[in-house]
Amino acid sequence: MLDELIQYLGAHPGVLTAMGITAVLAVVGLWYVVSHHLQAIMITLLSAAGIGSGLLVLYRGFRTDMKDLMGIGLFLIVIFPIIFWQAVKLIEPTEPEARTGRRPTPSRAFFKRKLS
């Protein structure tokens, strides 16, 4: 099957070029997302893992009828969304303060009308 694919791509250079361009754009897009949003990605993954572990502990607690595991599982399920919310609020860009009054200018004399 691989031999057939190689023969097909050799016979159709336009398809090979399109696949190459798509691969390059995918790598560039992945680099951009990882370099600019790594903190948000890590927060999301860690929070999802915490919620998942809470669900697993809660499930094990119900299966073995252990109240302490049920409590720990519920605690994890409640606390990780709160942690996620707070972390996302910290990394959100803040809006600049609105300035009131006159706008700053280099020199008010520049804007005066000529009298002559």
PDB file of N, CA and C in Angstrom:
ATOM      1  N   MET A   1       0.819  -1.190   0.000  1.00  0.00           N
ATOM      2  CA  MET A   1       0.000   0.000   0.000  1.00  0.00           C
ATOM      3  C   MET A   1       0.870   1.265   0.000  1.00  0.00           C
ATOM      4  N   LEU A   2       1.961   1.217   0.759  1.00  0.00           N
ATOM      5  CA  LEU A   2       2.859   2.371   0.799  1.00  0.00           C
ATOM      6  C   LEU A   2       3.492   2.602  -0.568  1.00  0.00           C
ATOM      7  N   ASP A   3       3.822   1.505  -1.258  1.00  0.00           N
ATOM      8  CA  ASP A   3       4.394   1.643  -2.600  1.00  0.00           C
ATOM      9  C   ASP A   3       3.404   2.306  -3.559  1.00  0.00           C
ATOM     10  N   GLU A   4       2.124   1.935  -3.441  1.00  0.00           N
ATOM     11  CA  GLU A   4       1.102   2.543  -4.298  1.00  0.00           C
ATOM     12  C   GLU A   4       0.955   4.032  -4.012  1.00  0.00           C
ATOM     13  N   LEU A   5       1.022   4.394  -2.724  1.00  0.00           N
ATOM     14  CA  LEU A   5       0.911   5.805  -2.338  1.00  0.00           C
ATOM     15  C   LEU A   5       2.090   6.602  -2.885  1.00  0.00           C
ATOM     16  N   ILE A   6       3.284   6.045  -2.788  1.00  0.00           N
ATOM     17  CA  ILE A   6       4.476   6.738  -3.290  1.00  0.00           C
ATOM     18  C   ILE A   6       4.394   6.904  -4.804  1.00  0.00           C
ATOM     19  N   GLN A   7       3.930   5.862  -5.507  1.00  0.00           N
ATOM     20  CA  GLN A   7       3.775   5.963  -6.963  1.00  0.00           C
ATOM     21  C   GLN A   7       2.731   7.016  -7.331  1.00  0.00           C
ATOM     22  N   TYR A   8       1.632   7.051  -6.580  1.00  0.00           N
ATOM     23  CA  TYR A   8       0.578   8.027  -6.861  1.00  0.00           C
ATOM     24  C   TYR A   8       1.085   9.450  -6.662  1.00  0.00           C
ATOM     25  N   LEU A   9       1.786   9.680  -5.532  1.00  0.00           N
ATOM     26  CA  LEU A   9       2.303  11.031  -5.269  1.00  0.00           C
ATOM     27  C   LEU A   9       3.375  11.418  -6.278  1.00  0.00           C
ATOM     28  N   GLY A  10       4.155  10.449  -6.753  1.00  0.00           N
ATOM     29  CA  GLY A  10       5.152  10.734  -7.782  1.00  0.00           C
ATOM     30  C   GLY A  10       4.508  11.118  -9.099  1.00  0.00           C
ATOM     31  N   ALA A  11       3.350  10.523  -9.374  1.00  0.00           N
ATOM     32  CA  ALA A  11       2.651  10.824 -10.626  1.00  0.00           C
ATOM     33  C   ALA A  11       1.820  12.104 -10.532  1.00  0.00           C
ATOM     34  N   HIS A  12       1.535  12.556  -9.337  1.00  0.00           N
ATOM     35  CA  HIS A  12       0.710  13.752  -9.138  1.00  0.00           C
ATOM     36  C   HIS A  12       1.457  14.752  -8.245  1.00  0.00           C
ATOM     37  N   PRO A  13       2.349  15.538  -8.823  1.00  0.00           N
ATOM     38  CA  PRO A  13       3.139  16.476  -8.005  1.00  0.00           C
ATOM     39  C   PRO A  13       2.293  17.584  -7.363  1.00  0.00           C
ATOM     40  N   GLY A  14       1.153  17.903  -7.946  1.00  0.00           N
ATOM     41  CA  GLY A  14       0.287  18.929  -7.355  1.00  0.00           C
ATOM     42  C   GLY A  14      -0.270  18.473  -6.012  1.00  0.00           C
ATOM     43  N   VAL A  15      -0.649  17.200  -5.930  1.00  0.00           N
ATOM     44  CA  VAL A  15      -1.158  16.652  -4.665  1.00  0.00           C
ATOM     45  C   VAL A  15      -0.033  16.619  -3.622  1.00  0.00           C
ATOM     46  N   LEU A  16       1.159  16.212  -4.065  1.00  0.00           N
ATOM     47  CA  LEU A  16       2.304  16.183  -3.152  1.00  0.00           C
ATOM     48  C   LEU A  16       2.633  17.583  -2.643  1.00  0.00           C
ATOM     49  N   THR A  17       2.574  18.576  -3.513  1.00  0.00           N
ATOM     50  CA  THR A  17       2.836  19.961  -3.114  1.00  0.00           C
ATOM     51  C   THR A  17       1.782  20.452  -2.129  1.00  0.00           C
ATOM     52  N   ALA A  18       0.517  20.152  -2.400  1.00  0.00           N
ATOM     53  CA  ALA A  18      -0.557  20.567  -1.490  1.00  0.00           C
ATOM     54  C   ALA A  18      -0.399  19.923  -0.116  1.00  0.00           C
ATOM     55  N   MET A  19      -0.012  18.647  -0.092  1.00  0.00           N
ATOM     56  CA  MET A  19       0.210  17.976   1.194  1.00  0.00           C
ATOM     57  C   MET A  19       1.400  18.597   1.936  1.00  0.00           C
ATOM     58  N   GLY A  20       2.447  18.946   1.186  1.00  0.00           N
ATOM     59  CA  GLY A  20       3.614  19.571   1.814  1.00  0.00           C
ATOM     60  C   GLY A  20       3.286  20.937   2.391  1.00  0.00           C
ATOM     61  N   ILE A  21       2.538  21.747   1.636  1.00  0.00           N
ATOM     62  CA  ILE A  21       2.144  23.078   2.124  1.00  0.00           C
ATOM     63  C   ILE A  21       1.244  22.947   3.355  1.00  0.00           C
ATOM     64  N   THR A  22       0.319  21.992   3.303  1.00  0.00           N
ATOM     65  CA  THR A  22      -0.558  21.766   4.461  1.00  0.00           C
ATOM     66  C   THR A  22       0.249  21.353   5.688  1.00  0.00           C
ATOM     67  N   ALA A  23       1.236  20.491   5.504  1.00  0.00           N
ATOM     68  CA  ALA A  23       2.068  20.057   6.621  1.00  0.00           C
ATOM     69  C   ALA A  23       2.876  21.220   7.204  1.00  0.00           C
ATOM     70  N   VAL A  24       3.425  22.058   6.339  1.00  0.00           N
ATOM     71  CA  VAL A  24       4.206  23.213   6.816  1.00  0.00           C
ATOM     72  C   VAL A  24       3.303  24.184   7.582  1.00  0.00           C
ATOM     73  N   LEU A  25       2.119  24.452   7.042  1.00  0.00           N
ATOM     74  CA  LEU A  25       1.196  25.355   7.741  1.00  0.00           C
ATOM     75  C   LEU A  25       0.738  24.768   9.072  1.00  0.00           C
ATOM     76  N   ALA A  26       0.559  23.456   9.126  1.00  0.00           N
ATOM     77  CA  ALA A  26       0.179  22.816  10.388  1.00  0.00           C
ATOM     78  C   ALA A  26       1.285  22.961  11.429  1.00  0.00           C
ATOM     79  N   VAL A  27       2.531  22.795  11.015  1.00  0.00           N
ATOM     80  CA  VAL A  27       3.659  22.944  11.950  1.00  0.00           C
ATOM     81  C   VAL A  27       3.770  24.387  12.428  1.00  0.00           C
ATOM     82  N   VAL A  28       3.616  25.346  11.522  1.00  0.00           N
ATOM     83  CA  VAL A  28       3.665  26.761  11.909  1.00  0.00           C
ATOM     84  C   VAL A  28       2.521  27.101  12.859  1.00  0.00           C
ATOM     85  N   GLY A  29       1.324  26.608  12.573  1.00  0.00           N
ATOM     86  CA  GLY A  29       0.185  26.846  13.465  1.00  0.00           C
ATOM     87  C   GLY A  29       0.392  26.228  14.835  1.00  0.00           C
ATOM     88  N   LEU A  30       0.931  25.017  14.873  1.00  0.00           N
ATOM     89  CA  LEU A  30       1.211  24.372  16.163  1.00  0.00           C
ATOM     90  C   LEU A  30       2.241  25.166  16.944  1.00  0.00           C
ATOM     91  N   TRP A  31       3.291  25.634  16.271  1.00  0.00           N
ATOM     92  CA  TRP A  31       4.305  26.439  16.947  1.00  0.00           C
ATOM     93  C   TRP A  31       3.678  27.709  17.532  1.00  0.00           C
ATOM     94  N   TYR A  32       2.821  28.377  16.756  1.00  0.00           N
ATOM     95  CA  TYR A  32       2.209  29.620  17.232  1.00  0.00           C
ATOM     96  C   TYR A  32       1.339  29.367  18.461  1.00  0.00           C
ATOM     97  N   VAL A  33       0.501  28.349  18.388  1.00  0.00           N
ATOM     98  CA  VAL A  33      -0.398  28.074  19.507  1.00  0.00           C
ATOM     99  C   VAL A  33       0.393  27.707  20.756  1.00  0.00           C
ATOM    100  N   VAL A  34       1.390  26.851  20.610  1.00  0.00           N
ATOM    101  CA  VAL A  34       2.167  26.433  21.775  1.00  0.00           C
ATOM    102  C   VAL A  34       2.973  27.590  22.338  1.00  0.00           C
ATOM    103  N   SER A  35       3.573  28.404  21.475  1.00  0.00           N
ATOM    104  CA  SER A  35       4.418  29.488  21.988  1.00  0.00           C
ATOM    105  C   SER A  35       3.614  30.622  22.609  1.00  0.00           C
ATOM    106  N   HIS A  36       2.393  30.859  22.146  1.00  0.00           N
ATOM    107  CA  HIS A  36       1.623  31.980  22.664  1.00  0.00           C
ATOM    108  C   HIS A  36       0.587  31.582  23.714  1.00  0.00           C
ATOM    109  N   HIS A  37       0.200  30.325  23.753  1.00  0.00           N
ATOM    110  CA  HIS A  37      -0.874  29.917  24.653  1.00  0.00           C
ATOM    111  C   HIS A  37      -0.500  28.720  25.511  1.00  0.00           C
ATOM    112  N   LEU A  38       0.786  28.494  25.735  1.00  0.00           N
ATOM    113  CA  LEU A  38       1.222  27.331  26.504  1.00  0.00           C
ATOM    114  C   LEU A  38       0.681  27.359  27.930  1.00  0.00           C
ATOM    115  N   GLN A  39       0.654  28.521  28.551  1.00  0.00           N
ATOM    116  CA  GLN A  39       0.172  28.624  29.926  1.00  0.00           C
ATOM    117  C   GLN A  39      -1.305  28.225  30.010  1.00  0.00           C
ATOM    118  N   ALA A  40      -2.116  28.696  29.095  1.00  0.00           N
ATOM    119  CA  ALA A  40      -3.540  28.342  29.102  1.00  0.00           C
ATOM    120  C   ALA A  40      -3.739  26.860  28.803  1.00  0.00           C
ATOM    121  N   ILE A  41      -2.931  26.313  27.904  1.00  0.00           N
ATOM    122  CA  ILE A  41      -3.028  24.888  27.590  1.00  0.00           C
ATOM    123  C   ILE A  41      -2.690  24.054  28.820  1.00  0.00           C
ATOM    124  N   MET A  42      -1.623  24.410  29.512  1.00  0.00           N
ATOM    125  CA  MET A  42      -1.220  23.650  30.701  1.00  0.00           C
ATOM    126  C   MET A  42      -2.257  23.754  31.812  1.00  0.00           C
ATOM    127  N   ILE A  43      -2.819  24.930  32.018  1.00  0.00           N
ATOM    128  CA  ILE A  43      -3.857  25.093  33.040  1.00  0.00           C
ATOM    129  C   ILE A  43      -5.061  24.225  32.708  1.00  0.00           C
ATOM    130  N   THR A  44      -5.456  24.213  31.444  1.00  0.00           N
ATOM    131  CA  THR A  44      -6.602  23.413  31.022  1.00  0.00           C
ATOM    132  C   THR A  44      -6.334  21.923  31.207  1.00  0.00           C
ATOM    133  N   LEU A  45      -5.155  21.469  30.789  1.00  0.00           N
ATOM    134  CA  LEU A  45      -4.839  20.046  30.919  1.00  0.00           C
ATOM    135  C   LEU A  45      -4.749  19.608  32.382  1.00  0.00           C
ATOM    136  N   LEU A  46      -4.109  20.408  33.205  1.00  0.00           N
ATOM    137  CA  LEU A  46      -3.986  20.035  34.617  1.00  0.00           C
ATOM    138  C   LEU A  46      -5.335  20.058  35.327  1.00  0.00           C
ATOM    139  N   SER A  47      -6.171  21.026  34.998  1.00  0.00           N
ATOM    140  CA  SER A  47      -7.504  21.084  35.607  1.00  0.00           C
ATOM    141  C   SER A  47      -8.368  19.910  35.149  1.00  0.00           C
ATOM    142  N   ALA A  48      -8.288  19.574  33.886  1.00  0.00           N
ATOM    143  CA  ALA A  48      -9.046  18.426  33.380  1.00  0.00           C
ATOM    144  C   ALA A  48      -8.568  17.132  34.025  1.00  0.00           C
ATOM    145  N   ALA A  49      -7.264  17.012  34.225  1.00  0.00           N
ATOM    146  CA  ALA A  49      -6.728  15.822  34.889  1.00  0.00           C
ATOM    147  C   ALA A  49      -7.195  15.760  36.339  1.00  0.00           C
ATOM    148  N   GLY A  50      -7.258  16.904  37.009  1.00  0.00           N
ATOM    149  CA  GLY A  50      -7.738  16.927  38.393  1.00  0.00           C
ATOM    150  C   GLY A  50      -9.203  16.547  38.496  1.00  0.00           C
ATOM    151  N   ILE A  51     -10.007  17.047  37.570  1.00  0.00           N
ATOM    152  CA  ILE A  51     -11.428  16.685  37.576  1.00  0.00           C
ATOM    153  C   ILE A  51     -11.592  15.203  37.256  1.00  0.00           C
ATOM    154  N   GLY A  52     -10.821  14.712  36.295  1.00  0.00           N
ATOM    155  CA  GLY A  52     -10.873  13.285  35.952  1.00  0.00           C
ATOM    156  C   GLY A  52     -10.466  12.399  37.101  1.00  0.00           C
ATOM    157  N   SER A  53      -9.425  12.788  37.822  1.00  0.00           N
ATOM    158  CA  SER A  53      -9.023  11.990  38.982  1.00  0.00           C
ATOM    159  C   SER A  53     -10.081  12.053  40.078  1.00  0.00           C
ATOM    160  N   GLY A  54     -10.726  13.197  40.218  1.00  0.00           N
ATOM    161  CA  GLY A  54     -11.818  13.294  41.187  1.00  0.00           C
ATOM    162  C   GLY A  54     -12.973  12.376  40.832  1.00  0.00           C
ATOM    163  N   LEU A  55     -13.305  12.303  39.539  1.00  0.00           N
ATOM    164  CA  LEU A  55     -14.369  11.391  39.106  1.00  0.00           C
ATOM    165  C   LEU A  55     -13.982   9.935  39.345  1.00  0.00           C
ATOM    166  N   LEU A  56     -12.727   9.591  39.089  1.00  0.00           N
ATOM    167  CA  LEU A  56     -12.265   8.224  39.325  1.00  0.00           C
ATOM    168  C   LEU A  56     -12.305   7.874  40.811  1.00  0.00           C
ATOM    169  N   VAL A  57     -11.841   8.778  41.646  1.00  0.00           N
ATOM    170  CA  VAL A  57     -11.862   8.522  43.100  1.00  0.00           C
ATOM    171  C   VAL A  57     -13.303   8.421  43.595  1.00  0.00           C
ATOM    172  N   LEU A  58     -14.178   9.273  43.090  1.00  0.00           N
ATOM    173  CA  LEU A  58     -15.586   9.199  43.468  1.00  0.00           C
ATOM    174  C   LEU A  58     -16.201   7.874  43.032  1.00  0.00           C
ATOM    175  N   TYR A  59     -15.893   7.423  41.829  1.00  0.00           N
ATOM    176  CA  TYR A  59     -16.393   6.145  41.338  1.00  0.00           C
ATOM    177  C   TYR A  59     -15.889   4.992  42.207  1.00  0.00           C
ATOM    178  N   ARG A  60     -14.590   5.009  42.516  1.00  0.00           N
ATOM    179  CA  ARG A  60     -14.032   3.951  43.378  1.00  0.00           C
ATOM    180  C   ARG A  60     -14.648   3.983  44.772  1.00  0.00           C
ATOM    181  N   GLY A  61     -14.936   5.177  45.245  1.00  0.00           N
ATOM    182  CA  GLY A  61     -15.576   5.286  46.553  1.00  0.00           C
ATOM    183  C   GLY A  61     -16.970   4.689  46.555  1.00  0.00           C
ATOM    184  N   PHE A  62     -17.730   4.906  45.493  1.00  0.00           N
ATOM    185  CA  PHE A  62     -19.064   4.308  45.407  1.00  0.00           C
ATOM    186  C   PHE A  62     -18.998   2.798  45.218  1.00  0.00           C
ATOM    187  N   ARG A  63     -18.026   2.324  44.428  1.00  0.00           N
ATOM    188  CA  ARG A  63     -17.908   0.884  44.182  1.00  0.00           C
ATOM    189  C   ARG A  63     -17.541   0.115  45.443  1.00  0.00           C
ATOM    190  N   THR A  64     -16.682   0.693  46.278  1.00  0.00           N
ATOM    191  CA  THR A  64     -16.233  -0.005  47.489  1.00  0.00           C
ATOM    192  C   THR A  64     -16.970   0.471  48.729  1.00  0.00           C
ATOM    193  N   ASP A  65     -17.921   1.367  48.551  1.00  0.00           N
ATOM    194  CA  ASP A  65     -18.713   1.917  49.658  1.00  0.00           C
ATOM    195  C   ASP A  65     -17.814   2.525  50.748  1.00  0.00           C
ATOM    196  N   MET A  66     -16.853   3.346  50.310  1.00  0.00           N
ATOM    197  CA  MET A  66     -15.944   4.022  51.242  1.00  0.00           C
ATOM    198  C   MET A  66     -16.281   5.512  51.216  1.00  0.00           C
ATOM    199  N   LYS A  67     -16.778   5.990  52.332  1.00  0.00           N
ATOM    200  CA  LYS A  67     -17.239   7.380  52.414  1.00  0.00           C
ATOM    201  C   LYS A  67     -16.087   8.380  52.300  1.00  0.00           C
ATOM    202  N   ASP A  68     -14.901   8.003  52.784  1.00  0.00           N
ATOM    203  CA  ASP A  68     -13.786   8.944  52.695  1.00  0.00           C
ATOM    204  C   ASP A  68     -13.362   9.166  51.239  1.00  0.00           C
ATOM    205  N   LEU A  69     -13.363   8.111  50.424  1.00  0.00           N
ATOM    206  CA  LEU A  69     -13.046   8.287  49.009  1.00  0.00           C
ATOM    207  C   LEU A  69     -14.116   9.108  48.296  1.00  0.00           C
ATOM    208  N   MET A  70     -15.359   8.922  48.674  1.00  0.00           N
ATOM    209  CA  MET A  70     -16.427   9.726  48.081  1.00  0.00           C
ATOM    210  C   MET A  70     -16.227  11.200  48.395  1.00  0.00           C
ATOM    211  N   GLY A  71     -15.852  11.498  49.632  1.00  0.00           N
ATOM    212  CA  GLY A  71     -15.616  12.892  50.028  1.00  0.00           C
ATOM    213  C   GLY A  71     -14.437  13.505  49.289  1.00  0.00           C
ATOM    214  N   ILE A  72     -13.354  12.733  49.177  1.00  0.00           N
ATOM    215  CA  ILE A  72     -12.177  13.235  48.467  1.00  0.00           C
ATOM    216  C   ILE A  72     -12.506  13.465  46.993  1.00  0.00           C
ATOM    217  N   GLY A  73     -13.240  12.527  46.389  1.00  0.00           N
ATOM    218  CA  GLY A  73     -13.621  12.678  44.987  1.00  0.00           C
ATOM    219  C   GLY A  73     -14.491  13.897  44.766  1.00  0.00           C
ATOM    220  N   LEU A  74     -15.477  14.106  45.628  1.00  0.00           N
ATOM    221  CA  LEU A  74     -16.329  15.293  45.507  1.00  0.00           C
ATOM    222  C   LEU A  74     -15.529  16.571  45.708  1.00  0.00           C
ATOM    223  N   PHE A  75     -14.592  16.542  46.659  1.00  0.00           N
ATOM    224  CA  PHE A  75     -13.745  17.710  46.891  1.00  0.00           C
ATOM    225  C   PHE A  75     -12.944  18.051  45.627  1.00  0.00           C
ATOM    226  N   LEU A  76     -12.350  17.043  44.999  1.00  0.00           N
ATOM    227  CA  LEU A  76     -11.563  17.283  43.793  1.00  0.00           C
ATOM    228  C   LEU A  76     -12.436  17.794  42.646  1.00  0.00           C
ATOM    229  N   ILE A  77     -13.644  17.242  42.531  1.00  0.00           N
ATOM    230  CA  ILE A  77     -14.548  17.674  41.467  1.00  0.00           C
ATOM    231  C   ILE A  77     -14.978  19.118  41.669  1.00  0.00           C
ATOM    232  N   VAL A  78     -15.078  19.555  42.906  1.00  0.00           N
ATOM    233  CA  VAL A  78     -15.501  20.937  43.183  1.00  0.00           C
ATOM    234  C   VAL A  78     -14.327  21.907  43.102  1.00  0.00           C
ATOM    235  N   ILE A  79     -13.155  21.504  43.604  1.00  0.00           N
ATOM    236  CA  ILE A  79     -12.046  22.451  43.731  1.00  0.00           C
ATOM    237  C   ILE A  79     -11.340  22.730  42.399  1.00  0.00           C
ATOM    238  N   PHE A  80     -11.233  21.742  41.511  1.00  0.00           N
ATOM    239  CA  PHE A  80     -10.484  21.980  40.273  1.00  0.00           C
ATOM    240  C   PHE A  80     -11.162  22.953  39.316  1.00  0.00           C
ATOM    241  N   PRO A  81     -12.486  22.960  39.173  1.00  0.00           N
ATOM    242  CA  PRO A  81     -13.074  24.036  38.354  1.00  0.00           C
ATOM    243  C   PRO A  81     -12.847  25.426  38.952  1.00  0.00           C
ATOM    244  N   ILE A  82     -12.813  25.517  40.276  1.00  0.00           N
ATOM    245  CA  ILE A  82     -12.536  26.809  40.917  1.00  0.00           C
ATOM    246  C   ILE A  82     -11.104  27.241  40.623  1.00  0.00           C
ATOM    247  N   ILE A  83     -10.170  26.305  40.727  1.00  0.00           N
ATOM    248  CA  ILE A  83      -8.770  26.604  40.416  1.00  0.00           C
ATOM    249  C   ILE A  83      -8.637  27.021  38.958  1.00  0.00           C
ATOM    250  N   PHE A  84      -9.320  26.306  38.071  1.00  0.00           N
ATOM    251  CA  PHE A  84      -9.273  26.636  36.648  1.00  0.00           C
ATOM    252  C   PHE A  84      -9.804  28.040  36.398  1.00  0.00           C
ATOM    253  N   TRP A  85     -10.938  28.368  37.005  1.00  0.00           N
ATOM    254  CA  TRP A  85     -11.549  29.687  36.818  1.00  0.00           C
ATOM    255  C   TRP A  85     -10.608  30.801  37.278  1.00  0.00           C
ATOM    256  N   GLN A  86     -10.006  30.614  38.450  1.00  0.00           N
ATOM    257  CA  GLN A  86      -9.104  31.631  38.973  1.00  0.00           C
ATOM    258  C   GLN A  86      -7.858  31.777  38.108  1.00  0.00           C
ATOM    259  N   ALA A  87      -7.313  30.659  37.638  1.00  0.00           N
ATOM    260  CA  ALA A  87      -6.109  30.721  36.808  1.00  0.00           C
ATOM    261  C   ALA A  87      -6.402  31.391  35.468  1.00  0.00           C
ATOM    262  N   VAL A  88      -7.543  31.101  34.885  1.00  0.00           N
ATOM    263  CA  VAL A  88      -7.893  31.736  33.616  1.00  0.00           C
ATOM    264  C   VAL A  88      -8.118  33.228  33.815  1.00  0.00           C
ATOM    265  N   LYS A  89      -8.719  33.613  34.922  1.00  0.00           N
ATOM    266  CA  LYS A  89      -8.916  35.042  35.206  1.00  0.00           C
ATOM    267  C   LYS A  89      -7.581  35.757  35.371  1.00  0.00           C
ATOM    268  N   LEU A  90      -6.580  35.075  35.913  1.00  0.00           N
ATOM    269  CA  LEU A  90      -5.266  35.696  36.089  1.00  0.00           C
ATOM    270  C   LEU A  90      -4.541  35.913  34.772  1.00  0.00           C
ATOM    271  N   ILE A  91      -4.720  35.008  33.806  1.00  0.00           N
ATOM    272  CA  ILE A  91      -3.971  35.155  32.561  1.00  0.00           C
ATOM    273  C   ILE A  91      -4.732  35.939  31.500  1.00  0.00           C
ATOM    274  N   GLU A  92      -5.996  36.296  31.744  1.00  0.00           N
ATOM    275  CA  GLU A  92      -6.730  37.109  30.778  1.00  0.00           C
ATOM    276  C   GLU A  92      -6.128  38.499  30.704  1.00  0.00           C
ATOM    277  N   PRO A  93      -6.028  39.046  29.512  1.00  0.00           N
ATOM    278  CA  PRO A  93      -5.498  40.415  29.416  1.00  0.00           C
ATOM    279  C   PRO A  93      -6.482  41.407  30.030  1.00  0.00           C
ATOM    280  N   THR A  94      -5.941  42.380  30.729  1.00  0.00           N
ATOM    281  CA  THR A  94      -6.789  43.389  31.357  1.00  0.00           C
ATOM    282  C   THR A  94      -7.008  44.536  30.389  1.00  0.00           C
ATOM    283  N   GLU A  95      -8.149  45.179  30.513  1.00  0.00           N
ATOM    284  CA  GLU A  95      -8.445  46.321  29.665  1.00  0.00           C
ATOM    285  C   GLU A  95      -7.720  47.550  30.193  1.00  0.00           C
ATOM    286  N   PRO A  96      -7.198  48.374  29.309  1.00  0.00           N
ATOM    287  CA  PRO A  96      -6.522  49.587  29.782  1.00  0.00           C
ATOM    288  C   PRO A  96      -7.524  50.553  30.405  1.00  0.00           C
ATOM    289  N   GLU A  97      -7.019  51.348  31.330  1.00  0.00           N
ATOM    290  CA  GLU A  97      -7.885  52.327  31.995  1.00  0.00           C
ATOM    291  C   GLU A  97      -8.303  53.406  31.009  1.00  0.00           C
ATOM    292  N   ALA A  98      -9.550  53.784  31.104  1.00  0.00           N
ATOM    293  CA  ALA A  98     -10.038  54.861  30.243  1.00  0.00           C
ATOM    294  C   ALA A  98      -9.575  56.193  30.818  1.00  0.00           C
ATOM    295  N   ARG A  99      -9.021  57.031  29.952  1.00  0.00           N
ATOM    296  CA  ARG A  99      -8.549  58.333  30.407  1.00  0.00           C
ATOM    297  C   ARG A  99      -9.673  59.340  30.277  1.00  0.00           C
ATOM    298  N   THR A 100      -9.743  60.192  31.244  1.00  0.00           N
ATOM    299  CA  THR A 100     -10.745  61.249  31.192  1.00  0.00           C
ATOM    300  C   THR A 100     -10.041  62.580  31.003  1.00  0.00           C
ATOM    301  N   GLY A 101     -10.784  63.560  30.553  1.00  0.00           N
ATOM    302  CA  GLY A 101     -10.200  64.891  30.368  1.00  0.00           C
ATOM    303  C   GLY A 101      -9.619  65.043  28.981  1.00  0.00           C
ATOM    304  N   ARG A 102      -8.781  66.038  28.844  1.00  0.00           N
ATOM    305  CA  ARG A 102      -8.187  66.335  27.549  1.00  0.00           C
ATOM    306  C   ARG A 102      -7.082  65.354  27.238  1.00  0.00           C
ATOM    307  N   ARG A 103      -6.926  65.092  25.972  1.00  0.00           N
ATOM    308  CA  ARG A 103      -5.863  64.173  25.591  1.00  0.00           C
ATOM    309  C   ARG A 103      -4.510  64.870  25.673  1.00  0.00           C
ATOM    310  N   PRO A 104      -3.481  64.151  26.004  1.00  0.00           N
ATOM    311  CA  PRO A 104      -2.159  64.772  26.100  1.00  0.00           C
ATOM    312  C   PRO A 104      -1.629  65.105  24.703  1.00  0.00           C
ATOM    313  N   THR A 105      -1.038  66.263  24.604  1.00  0.00           N
ATOM    314  CA  THR A 105      -0.450  66.691  23.338  1.00  0.00           C
ATOM    315  C   THR A 105       0.968  67.162  23.584  1.00  0.00           C
ATOM    316  N   PRO A 106       1.797  67.118  22.560  1.00  0.00           N
ATOM    317  CA  PRO A 106       3.183  67.569  22.749  1.00  0.00           C
ATOM    318  C   PRO A 106       3.258  69.049  23.073  1.00  0.00           C
ATOM    319  N   SER A 107       2.418  69.830  22.437  1.00  0.00           N
ATOM    320  CA  SER A 107       2.452  71.262  22.692  1.00  0.00           C
ATOM    321  C   SER A 107       1.110  71.849  22.287  1.00  0.00           C
ATOM    322  N   ARG A 108       0.518  72.617  23.177  1.00  0.00           N
ATOM    323  CA  ARG A 108      -0.770  73.238  22.862  1.00  0.00           C
ATOM    324  C   ARG A 108      -0.585  74.359  21.830  1.00  0.00           C
ATOM    325  N   ALA A 109       0.608  74.937  21.720  1.00  0.00           N
ATOM    326  CA  ALA A 109       0.846  76.011  20.770  1.00  0.00           C
ATOM    327  C   ALA A 109       0.720  75.515  19.339  1.00  0.00           C
ATOM    328  N   PHE A 110       0.932  74.264  19.121  1.00  0.00           N
ATOM    329  CA  PHE A 110       0.834  73.685  17.789  1.00  0.00           C
ATOM    330  C   PHE A 110      -0.593  73.755  17.258  1.00  0.00           C
ATOM    331  N   PHE A 111      -1.564  73.684  18.167  1.00  0.00           N
ATOM    332  CA  PHE A 111      -2.956  73.655  17.753  1.00  0.00           C
ATOM    333  C   PHE A 111      -3.638  75.017  17.762  1.00  0.00           C
ATOM    334  N   LYS A 112      -2.927  76.087  18.142  1.00  0.00           N
ATOM    335  CA  LYS A 112      -3.522  77.422  18.169  1.00  0.00           C
ATOM    336  C   LYS A 112      -3.698  77.936  16.744  1.00  0.00           C
ATOM    337  N   ARG A 113      -4.754  78.727  16.556  1.00  0.00           N
ATOM    338  CA  ARG A 113      -5.005  79.319  15.241  1.00  0.00           C
ATOM    339  C   ARG A 113      -4.089  80.519  15.020  1.00  0.00           C
ATOM    340  N   LYS A 114      -3.727  80.687  13.786  1.00  0.00           N
ATOM    341  CA  LYS A 114      -2.927  81.853  13.441  1.00  0.00           C
ATOM    342  C   LYS A 114      -3.877  83.046  13.296  1.00  0.00           C
ATOM    343  N   LEU A 115      -3.509  84.192  13.829  1.00  0.00           N
ATOM    344  CA  LEU A 115      -4.366  85.373  13.794  1.00  0.00           C
ATOM    345  C   LEU A 115      -4.189  86.223  12.549  1.00  0.00           C
ATOM    346  N   SER A 116      -3.144  86.084  11.803  1.00  0.00           N
ATOM    347  CA  SER A 116      -2.920  86.929  10.627  1.00  0.00           C
ATOM    348  C   SER A 116      -3.532  86.409   9.367  1.00  0.00           C
TER     349      SER A 116
END
